Structures are given as C-alpha cells and as structure tokens.
Amino acid sequence: MTDPADKVTAAFDTAKAKINELAESGKVQEALGTARDKIDELVESKQVQDAIGTAKEKLTELADNEKVQDVVTTAKDKITEVAQKLGGSR
C-alpha cells in the first residue's frame, strides 16, 4: 500500500510539472506579453497621468489642511496617553 505522504508528494510533483508546462507555453507567454504592453499603454496614458497628478494634488491639499493636521495631532496625543497609561499600569 502506498504511503499517503507519497501520494501527496506525487500530486504536488504532477501539479508543479503542469504549472511549468503552462508557464512555458507559447500562448501563455504571448498573452503575458500582450498584457504587459496594455499595462504599459495604460500607465503612459495622458488621462491616467492626469488622474495621478490630480490625486497627488488632492492628497497634498488634504495633508496641508489645518483641520486634518489637528485631527492627526489629537490622535497622536491620544495614542501617547493610552501608551503611557498602559506602561504605567505594570
């Protein structure tokens, strides 16, 4: 009778071989190349670049906003307060 561990090992070996065959397939390589080209086109798109630029500007505005800074400062203070209480309770 075959050991269950041997069966598992054989199944993994078979799966690994099939995955390698698939990865080396010309069709898969061609599909990956096409996908890379499309991603490159997307990244280089003016609309995408404009959207990224706008997002950066909005994040900068948000980070520079006084109310946001106050909230972050308050949160830091509260975290420090809690940490001190936890540290002092030992």
PDB file of N, CA and C in Angstrom:
ATOM      1  N   MET A   1       0.842  -1.173   0.000  1.00  0.00           N
ATOM      2  CA  MET A   1       0.000   0.000   0.000  1.00  0.00           C
ATOM      3  C   MET A   1       0.892   1.243   0.000  1.00  0.00           C
ATOM      4  N   THR A   2       0.502   2.242  -0.779  1.00  0.00           N
ATOM      5  CA  THR A   2       1.294   3.458  -0.882  1.00  0.00           C
ATOM      6  C   THR A   2       1.019   4.381   0.300  1.00  0.00           C
ATOM      7  N   ASP A   3       2.090   4.949   0.807  1.00  0.00           N
ATOM      8  CA  ASP A   3       2.010   5.881   1.928  1.00  0.00           C
ATOM      9  C   ASP A   3       1.263   7.152   1.481  1.00  0.00           C
ATOM     10  N   PRO A   4       0.344   7.674   2.292  1.00  0.00           N
ATOM     11  CA  PRO A   4      -0.384   8.890   1.920  1.00  0.00           C
ATOM     12  C   PRO A   4       0.546  10.071   1.623  1.00  0.00           C
ATOM     13  N   ALA A   5       1.645  10.161   2.342  1.00  0.00           N
ATOM     14  CA  ALA A   5       2.601  11.250   2.103  1.00  0.00           C
ATOM     15  C   ALA A   5       3.194  11.134   0.702  1.00  0.00           C
ATOM     16  N   ASP A   6       3.439   9.906   0.247  1.00  0.00           N
ATOM     17  CA  ASP A   6       3.957   9.698  -1.104  1.00  0.00           C
ATOM     18  C   ASP A   6       2.933  10.139  -2.146  1.00  0.00           C
ATOM     19  N   LYS A   7       1.660   9.856  -1.877  1.00  0.00           N
ATOM     20  CA  LYS A   7       0.607  10.277  -2.801  1.00  0.00           C
ATOM     21  C   LYS A   7       0.545  11.800  -2.892  1.00  0.00           C
ATOM     22  N   VAL A   8       0.658  12.462  -1.748  1.00  0.00           N
ATOM     23  CA  VAL A   8       0.635  13.932  -1.725  1.00  0.00           C
ATOM     24  C   VAL A   8       1.828  14.482  -2.478  1.00  0.00           C
ATOM     25  N   THR A   9       2.999  13.908  -2.239  1.00  0.00           N
ATOM     26  CA  THR A   9       4.211  14.347  -2.930  1.00  0.00           C
ATOM     27  C   THR A   9       4.064  14.163  -4.437  1.00  0.00           C
ATOM     28  N   ALA A  10       3.528  13.034  -4.850  1.00  0.00           N
ATOM     29  CA  ALA A  10       3.331  12.768  -6.274  1.00  0.00           C
ATOM     30  C   ALA A  10       2.348  13.771  -6.876  1.00  0.00           C
ATOM     31  N   ALA A  11       1.293  14.072  -6.151  1.00  0.00           N
ATOM     32  CA  ALA A  11       0.304  15.044  -6.639  1.00  0.00           C
ATOM     33  C   ALA A  11       0.940  16.416  -6.792  1.00  0.00           C
ATOM     34  N   PHE A  12       1.751  16.831  -5.817  1.00  0.00           N
ATOM     35  CA  PHE A  12       2.440  18.117  -5.912  1.00  0.00           C
ATOM     36  C   PHE A  12       3.418  18.135  -7.086  1.00  0.00           C
ATOM     37  N   ASP A  13       4.144  17.043  -7.269  1.00  0.00           N
ATOM     38  CA  ASP A  13       5.088  16.963  -8.380  1.00  0.00           C
ATOM     39  C   ASP A  13       4.366  17.081  -9.721  1.00  0.00           C
ATOM     40  N   THR A  14       3.228  16.407  -9.841  1.00  0.00           N
ATOM     41  CA  THR A  14       2.442  16.474 -11.075  1.00  0.00           C
ATOM     42  C   THR A  14       1.935  17.892 -11.297  1.00  0.00           C
ATOM     43  N   ALA A  15       1.403  18.502 -10.239  1.00  0.00           N
ATOM     44  CA  ALA A  15       0.898  19.871 -10.353  1.00  0.00           C
ATOM     45  C   ALA A  15       2.013  20.828 -10.752  1.00  0.00           C
ATOM     46  N   LYS A  16       3.188  20.655 -10.148  1.00  0.00           N
ATOM     47  CA  LYS A  16       4.334  21.511 -10.461  1.00  0.00           C
ATOM     48  C   LYS A  16       4.729  21.365 -11.932  1.00  0.00           C
ATOM     49  N   ALA A  17       4.759  20.136 -12.415  1.00  0.00           N
ATOM     50  CA  ALA A  17       5.107  19.887 -13.813  1.00  0.00           C
ATOM     51  C   ALA A  17       4.094  20.535 -14.752  1.00  0.00           C
ATOM     52  N   LYS A  18       2.815  20.430 -14.427  1.00  0.00           N
ATOM     53  CA  LYS A  18       1.761  21.024 -15.269  1.00  0.00           C
ATOM     54  C   LYS A  18       1.850  22.546 -15.262  1.00  0.00           C
ATOM     55  N   ILE A  19       2.118  23.124 -14.097  1.00  0.00           N
ATOM     56  CA  ILE A  19       2.262  24.579 -13.998  1.00  0.00           C
ATOM     57  C   ILE A  19       3.456  25.040 -14.819  1.00  0.00           C
ATOM     58  N   ASN A  20       4.557  24.305 -14.757  1.00  0.00           N
ATOM     59  CA  ASN A  20       5.740  24.662 -15.544  1.00  0.00           C
ATOM     60  C   ASN A  20       5.448  24.568 -17.040  1.00  0.00           C
ATOM     61  N   GLU A  21       4.721  23.520 -17.450  1.00  0.00           N
ATOM     62  CA  GLU A  21       4.336  23.386 -18.864  1.00  0.00           C
ATOM     63  C   GLU A  21       3.499  24.585 -19.297  1.00  0.00           C
ATOM     64  N   LEU A  22       2.555  24.959 -18.454  1.00  0.00           N
ATOM     65  CA  LEU A  22       1.686  26.078 -18.766  1.00  0.00           C
ATOM     66  C   LEU A  22       2.492  27.373 -18.863  1.00  0.00           C
ATOM     67  N   ALA A  23       3.392  27.588 -17.908  1.00  0.00           N
ATOM     68  CA  ALA A  23       4.197  28.811 -17.883  1.00  0.00           C
ATOM     69  C   ALA A  23       5.095  28.918 -19.105  1.00  0.00           C
ATOM     70  N   GLU A  24       5.553  27.765 -19.618  1.00  0.00           N
ATOM     71  CA  GLU A  24       6.451  27.761 -20.765  1.00  0.00           C
ATOM     72  C   GLU A  24       5.701  27.761 -22.093  1.00  0.00           C
ATOM     73  N   SER A  25       4.389  27.670 -22.044  1.00  0.00           N
ATOM     74  CA  SER A  25       3.573  27.633 -23.255  1.00  0.00           C
ATOM     75  C   SER A  25       3.725  28.929 -24.041  1.00  0.00           C
ATOM     76  N   GLY A  26       3.861  28.811 -25.339  1.00  0.00           N
ATOM     77  CA  GLY A  26       3.973  29.980 -26.205  1.00  0.00           C
ATOM     78  C   GLY A  26       2.758  30.881 -26.103  1.00  0.00           C
ATOM     79  N   LYS A  27       1.584  30.275 -26.005  1.00  0.00           N
ATOM     80  CA  LYS A  27       0.354  31.071 -25.903  1.00  0.00           C
ATOM     81  C   LYS A  27       0.329  31.873 -24.608  1.00  0.00           C
ATOM     82  N   VAL A  28       0.770  31.257 -23.521  1.00  0.00           N
ATOM     83  CA  VAL A  28       0.790  31.956 -22.238  1.00  0.00           C
ATOM     84  C   VAL A  28       1.805  33.092 -22.291  1.00  0.00           C
ATOM     85  N   GLN A  29       2.979  32.818 -22.857  1.00  0.00           N
ATOM     86  CA  GLN A  29       3.997  33.859 -22.973  1.00  0.00           C
ATOM     87  C   GLN A  29       3.496  35.015 -23.835  1.00  0.00           C
ATOM     88  N   GLU A  30       2.805  34.693 -24.913  1.00  0.00           N
ATOM     89  CA  GLU A  30       2.245  35.726 -25.791  1.00  0.00           C
ATOM     90  C   GLU A  30       1.191  36.548 -25.048  1.00  0.00           C
ATOM     91  N   ALA A  31       0.337  35.866 -24.294  1.00  0.00           N
ATOM     92  CA  ALA A  31      -0.703  36.563 -23.526  1.00  0.00           C
ATOM     93  C   ALA A  31      -0.077  37.476 -22.475  1.00  0.00           C
ATOM     94  N   LEU A  32       0.976  37.004 -21.819  1.00  0.00           N
ATOM     95  CA  LEU A  32       1.661  37.838 -20.831  1.00  0.00           C
ATOM     96  C   LEU A  32       2.294  39.060 -21.482  1.00  0.00           C
ATOM     97  N   GLY A  33       2.875  38.861 -22.648  1.00  0.00           N
ATOM     98  CA  GLY A  33       3.471  39.977 -23.380  1.00  0.00           C
ATOM     99  C   GLY A  33       2.419  41.013 -23.755  1.00  0.00           C
ATOM    100  N   THR A  34       1.285  40.535 -24.226  1.00  0.00           N
ATOM    101  CA  THR A  34       0.188  41.439 -24.584  1.00  0.00           C
ATOM    102  C   THR A  34      -0.302  42.196 -23.355  1.00  0.00           C
ATOM    103  N   ALA A  35      -0.451  41.483 -22.245  1.00  0.00           N
ATOM    104  CA  ALA A  35      -0.898  42.127 -21.002  1.00  0.00           C
ATOM    105  C   ALA A  35       0.088  43.204 -20.568  1.00  0.00           C
ATOM    106  N   ARG A  36       1.378  42.903 -20.649  1.00  0.00           N
ATOM    107  CA  ARG A  36       2.400  43.899 -20.283  1.00  0.00           C
ATOM    108  C   ARG A  36       2.300  45.126 -21.176  1.00  0.00           C
ATOM    109  N   ASP A  37       2.124  44.892 -22.471  1.00  0.00           N
ATOM    110  CA  ASP A  37       2.001  46.017 -23.408  1.00  0.00           C
ATOM    111  C   ASP A  37       0.796  46.888 -23.067  1.00  0.00           C
ATOM    112  N   LYS A  38      -0.331  46.253 -22.764  1.00  0.00           N
ATOM    113  CA  LYS A  38      -1.549  47.003 -22.433  1.00  0.00           C
ATOM    114  C   LYS A  38      -1.373  47.780 -21.137  1.00  0.00           C
ATOM    115  N   ILE A  39      -0.724  47.176 -20.150  1.00  0.00           N
ATOM    116  CA  ILE A  39      -0.465  47.874 -18.886  1.00  0.00           C
ATOM    117  C   ILE A  39       0.449  49.074 -19.129  1.00  0.00           C
ATOM    118  N   ASP A  40       1.478  48.885 -19.947  1.00  0.00           N
ATOM    119  CA  ASP A  40       2.373  49.999 -20.288  1.00  0.00           C
ATOM    120  C   ASP A  40       1.602  51.124 -20.966  1.00  0.00           C
ATOM    121  N   GLU A  41       0.721  50.767 -21.896  1.00  0.00           N
ATOM    122  CA  GLU A  41      -0.100  51.778 -22.592  1.00  0.00           C
ATOM    123  C   GLU A  41      -0.960  52.531 -21.579  1.00  0.00           C
ATOM    124  N   LEU A  42      -1.547  51.791 -20.658  1.00  0.00           N
ATOM    125  CA  LEU A  42      -2.412  52.396 -19.652  1.00  0.00           C
ATOM    126  C   LEU A  42      -1.620  53.362 -18.777  1.00  0.00           C
ATOM    127  N   VAL A  43      -0.455  52.926 -18.317  1.00  0.00           N
ATOM    128  CA  VAL A  43       0.374  53.756 -17.444  1.00  0.00           C
ATOM    129  C   VAL A  43       0.832  55.022 -18.164  1.00  0.00           C
ATOM    130  N   GLU A  44       1.106  54.900 -19.454  1.00  0.00           N
ATOM    131  CA  GLU A  44       1.584  56.042 -20.226  1.00  0.00           C
ATOM    132  C   GLU A  44       0.456  56.942 -20.714  1.00  0.00           C
ATOM    133  N   SER A  45      -0.779  56.543 -20.529  1.00  0.00           N
ATOM    134  CA  SER A  45      -1.931  57.313 -20.981  1.00  0.00           C
ATOM    135  C   SER A  45      -1.969  58.680 -20.309  1.00  0.00           C
ATOM    136  N   LYS A  46      -2.246  59.710 -21.102  1.00  0.00           N
ATOM    137  CA  LYS A  46      -2.330  61.064 -20.558  1.00  0.00           C
ATOM    138  C   LYS A  46      -3.424  61.154 -19.507  1.00  0.00           C
ATOM    139  N   GLN A  47      -4.545  60.495 -19.744  1.00  0.00           N
ATOM    140  CA  GLN A  47      -5.644  60.542 -18.777  1.00  0.00           C
ATOM    141  C   GLN A  47      -5.224  59.936 -17.440  1.00  0.00           C
ATOM    142  N   VAL A  48      -4.502  58.838 -17.500  1.00  0.00           N
ATOM    143  CA  VAL A  48      -4.035  58.207 -16.263  1.00  0.00           C
ATOM    144  C   VAL A  48      -3.030  59.114 -15.568  1.00  0.00           C
ATOM    145  N   GLN A  49      -2.121  59.677 -16.338  1.00  0.00           N
ATOM    146  CA  GLN A  49      -1.126  60.580 -15.754  1.00  0.00           C
ATOM    147  C   GLN A  49      -1.806  61.799 -15.128  1.00  0.00           C
ATOM    148  N   ASP A  50      -2.820  62.342 -15.826  1.00  0.00           N
ATOM    149  CA  ASP A  50      -3.560  63.480 -15.277  1.00  0.00           C
ATOM    150  C   ASP A  50      -4.265  63.097 -13.984  1.00  0.00           C
ATOM    151  N   ALA A  51      -4.868  61.903 -13.958  1.00  0.00           N
ATOM    152  CA  ALA A  51      -5.570  61.439 -12.760  1.00  0.00           C
ATOM    153  C   ALA A  51      -4.601  61.271 -11.598  1.00  0.00           C
ATOM    154  N   ILE A  52      -3.424  60.740 -11.884  1.00  0.00           N
ATOM    155  CA  ILE A  52      -2.409  60.573 -10.836  1.00  0.00           C
ATOM    156  C   ILE A  52      -1.969  61.943 -10.324  1.00  0.00           C
ATOM    157  N   GLY A  53      -1.764  62.877 -11.242  1.00  0.00           N
ATOM    158  CA  GLY A  53      -1.378  64.239 -10.846  1.00  0.00           C
ATOM    159  C   GLY A  53      -2.441  64.886  -9.971  1.00  0.00           C
ATOM    160  N   THR A  54      -3.698  64.729 -10.376  1.00  0.00           N
ATOM    161  CA  THR A  54      -4.803  65.291  -9.586  1.00  0.00           C
ATOM    162  C   THR A  54      -4.863  64.653  -8.209  1.00  0.00           C
ATOM    163  N   ALA A  55      -4.705  63.342  -8.155  1.00  0.00           N
ATOM    164  CA  ALA A  55      -4.730  62.643  -6.865  1.00  0.00           C
ATOM    165  C   ALA A  55      -3.607  63.148  -5.960  1.00  0.00           C
ATOM    166  N   LYS A  56      -2.424  63.347  -6.511  1.00  0.00           N
ATOM    167  CA  LYS A  56      -1.299  63.858  -5.720  1.00  0.00           C
ATOM    168  C   LYS A  56      -1.615  65.249  -5.172  1.00  0.00           C
ATOM    169  N   GLU A  57      -2.192  66.097  -6.038  1.00  0.00           N
ATOM    170  CA  GLU A  57      -2.547  67.453  -5.595  1.00  0.00           C
ATOM    171  C   GLU A  57      -3.570  67.408  -4.468  1.00  0.00           C
ATOM    172  N   LYS A  58      -4.591  66.558  -4.616  1.00  0.00           N
ATOM    173  CA  LYS A  58      -5.643  66.475  -3.601  1.00  0.00           C
ATOM    174  C   LYS A  58      -5.088  65.925  -2.284  1.00  0.00           C
ATOM    175  N   LEU A  59      -4.196  64.946  -2.367  1.00  0.00           N
ATOM    176  CA  LEU A  59      -3.583  64.405  -1.154  1.00  0.00           C
ATOM    177  C   LEU A  59      -2.723  65.455  -0.455  1.00  0.00           C
ATOM    178  N   THR A  60      -2.024  66.250  -1.246  1.00  0.00           N
ATOM    179  CA  THR A  60      -1.207  67.324  -0.681  1.00  0.00           C
ATOM    180  C   THR A  60      -2.105  68.352   0.002  1.00  0.00           C
ATOM    181  N   GLU A  61      -3.211  68.727  -0.671  1.00  0.00           N
ATOM    182  CA  GLU A  61      -4.162  69.666  -0.073  1.00  0.00           C
ATOM    183  C   GLU A  61      -4.709  69.103   1.234  1.00  0.00           C
ATOM    184  N   LEU A  62      -5.047  67.837   1.227  1.00  0.00           N
ATOM    185  CA  LEU A  62      -5.590  67.190   2.414  1.00  0.00           C
ATOM    186  C   LEU A  62      -4.565  67.198   3.544  1.00  0.00           C
ATOM    187  N   ALA A  63      -3.336  66.852   3.221  1.00  0.00           N
ATOM    188  CA  ALA A  63      -2.274  66.807   4.234  1.00  0.00           C
ATOM    189  C   ALA A  63      -1.980  68.197   4.788  1.00  0.00           C
ATOM    190  N   ASP A  64      -2.129  69.226   3.948  1.00  0.00           N
ATOM    191  CA  ASP A  64      -1.857  70.599   4.373  1.00  0.00           C
ATOM    192  C   ASP A  64      -3.040  71.241   5.099  1.00  0.00           C
ATOM    193  N   ASN A  65      -4.184  70.602   5.070  1.00  0.00           N
ATOM    194  CA  ASN A  65      -5.388  71.148   5.684  1.00  0.00           C
ATOM    195  C   ASN A  65      -5.220  71.214   7.201  1.00  0.00           C
ATOM    196  N   GLU A  66      -5.508  72.395   7.769  1.00  0.00           N
ATOM    197  CA  GLU A  66      -5.311  72.614   9.200  1.00  0.00           C
ATOM    198  C   GLU A  66      -6.177  71.682  10.044  1.00  0.00           C
ATOM    199  N   LYS A  67      -7.412  71.444   9.612  1.00  0.00           N
ATOM    200  CA  LYS A  67      -8.296  70.556  10.374  1.00  0.00           C
ATOM    201  C   LYS A  67      -7.751  69.131  10.387  1.00  0.00           C
ATOM    202  N   VAL A  68      -7.238  68.692   9.254  1.00  0.00           N
ATOM    203  CA  VAL A  68      -6.662  67.347   9.179  1.00  0.00           C
ATOM    204  C   VAL A  68      -5.453  67.257  10.099  1.00  0.00           C
ATOM    205  N   GLN A  69      -4.619  68.276  10.076  1.00  0.00           N
ATOM    206  CA  GLN A  69      -3.438  68.281  10.943  1.00  0.00           C
ATOM    207  C   GLN A  69      -3.831  68.250  12.416  1.00  0.00           C
ATOM    208  N   ASP A  70      -4.904  68.992  12.758  1.00  0.00           N
ATOM    209  CA  ASP A  70      -5.385  68.988  14.144  1.00  0.00           C
ATOM    210  C   ASP A  70      -5.856  67.587  14.554  1.00  0.00           C
ATOM    211  N   VAL A  71      -6.592  66.919  13.659  1.00  0.00           N
ATOM    212  CA  VAL A  71      -7.081  65.565  13.951  1.00  0.00           C
ATOM    213  C   VAL A  71      -5.914  64.608  14.132  1.00  0.00           C
ATOM    214  N   VAL A  72      -4.910  64.703  13.274  1.00  0.00           N
ATOM    215  CA  VAL A  72      -3.743  63.824  13.380  1.00  0.00           C
ATOM    216  C   VAL A  72      -3.004  64.090  14.689  1.00  0.00           C
ATOM    217  N   THR A  73      -2.851  65.359  15.043  1.00  0.00           N
ATOM    218  CA  THR A  73      -2.178  65.709  16.301  1.00  0.00           C
ATOM    219  C   THR A  73      -2.950  65.164  17.492  1.00  0.00           C
ATOM    220  N   THR A  74      -4.272  65.323  17.472  1.00  0.00           N
ATOM    221  CA  THR A  74      -5.112  64.802  18.556  1.00  0.00           C
ATOM    222  C   THR A  74      -4.982  63.289  18.656  1.00  0.00           C
ATOM    223  N   ALA A  75      -5.008  62.621  17.515  1.00  0.00           N
ATOM    224  CA  ALA A  75      -4.879  61.164  17.511  1.00  0.00           C
ATOM    225  C   ALA A  75      -3.534  60.747  18.100  1.00  0.00           C
ATOM    226  N   LYS A  76      -2.470  61.435  17.722  1.00  0.00           N
ATOM    227  CA  LYS A  76      -1.141  61.118  18.266  1.00  0.00           C
ATOM    228  C   LYS A  76      -1.125  61.307  19.781  1.00  0.00           C
ATOM    229  N   ASP A  77      -1.734  62.420  20.231  1.00  0.00           N
ATOM    230  CA  ASP A  77      -1.777  62.694  21.666  1.00  0.00           C
ATOM    231  C   ASP A  77      -2.523  61.592  22.415  1.00  0.00           C
ATOM    232  N   LYS A  78      -3.655  61.165  21.853  1.00  0.00           N
ATOM    233  CA  LYS A  78      -4.451  60.110  22.494  1.00  0.00           C
ATOM    234  C   LYS A  78      -3.689  58.789  22.538  1.00  0.00           C
ATOM    235  N   ILE A  79      -2.991  58.481  21.457  1.00  0.00           N
ATOM    236  CA  ILE A  79      -2.188  57.250  21.421  1.00  0.00           C
ATOM    237  C   ILE A  79      -1.091  57.307  22.481  1.00  0.00           C
ATOM    238  N   THR A  80      -0.442  58.466  22.599  1.00  0.00           N
ATOM    239  CA  THR A  80       0.605  58.640  23.605  1.00  0.00           C
ATOM    240  C   THR A  80       0.017  58.478  25.007  1.00  0.00           C
ATOM    241  N   GLU A  81      -1.168  59.072  25.214  1.00  0.00           N
ATOM    242  CA  GLU A  81      -1.859  58.978  26.503  1.00  0.00           C
ATOM    243  C   GLU A  81      -2.141  57.515  26.872  1.00  0.00           C
ATOM    244  N   VAL A  82      -2.694  56.790  25.920  1.00  0.00           N
ATOM    245  CA  VAL A  82      -3.014  55.376  26.150  1.00  0.00           C
ATOM    246  C   VAL A  82      -1.744  54.572  26.412  1.00  0.00           C
ATOM    247  N   ALA A  83      -0.710  54.835  25.627  1.00  0.00           N
ATOM    248  CA  ALA A  83       0.558  54.108  25.804  1.00  0.00           C
ATOM    249  C   ALA A  83       1.132  54.373  27.190  1.00  0.00           C
ATOM    250  N   GLN A  84       1.030  55.619  27.649  1.00  0.00           N
ATOM    251  CA  GLN A  84       1.562  55.960  28.976  1.00  0.00           C
ATOM    252  C   GLN A  84       0.750  55.269  30.079  1.00  0.00           C
ATOM    253  N   LYS A  85      -0.571  55.242  29.902  1.00  0.00           N
ATOM    254  CA  LYS A  85      -1.414  54.568  30.887  1.00  0.00           C
ATOM    255  C   LYS A  85      -1.110  53.080  30.944  1.00  0.00           C
ATOM    256  N   LEU A  86      -0.929  52.463  29.765  1.00  0.00           N
ATOM    257  CA  LEU A  86      -0.620  51.041  29.711  1.00  0.00           C
ATOM    258  C   LEU A  86       0.749  50.767  30.313  1.00  0.00           C
ATOM    259  N   GLY A  87       1.683  51.652  30.029  1.00  0.00           N
ATOM    260  CA  GLY A  87       3.036  51.487  30.573  1.00  0.00           C
ATOM    261  C   GLY A  87       3.084  51.700  32.059  1.00  0.00           C
ATOM    262  N   GLY A  88       2.235  52.584  32.574  1.00  0.00           N
ATOM    263  CA  GLY A  88       2.217  52.904  33.999  1.00  0.00           C
ATOM    264  C   GLY A  88       1.466  51.876  34.833  1.00  0.00           C
ATOM    265  N   SER A  89       0.677  51.028  34.189  1.00  0.00           N
ATOM    266  CA  SER A  89      -0.127  50.069  34.946  1.00  0.00           C
ATOM    267  C   SER A  89       0.617  48.792  35.287  1.00  0.00           C
ATOM    268  N   ARG A  90       1.842  48.685  34.929  1.00  0.00           N
ATOM    269  CA  ARG A  90       2.595  47.448  35.171  1.00  0.00           C
ATOM    270  C   ARG A  90       3.033  47.337  36.565  1.00  0.00           C
TER     271      ARG A  90
END
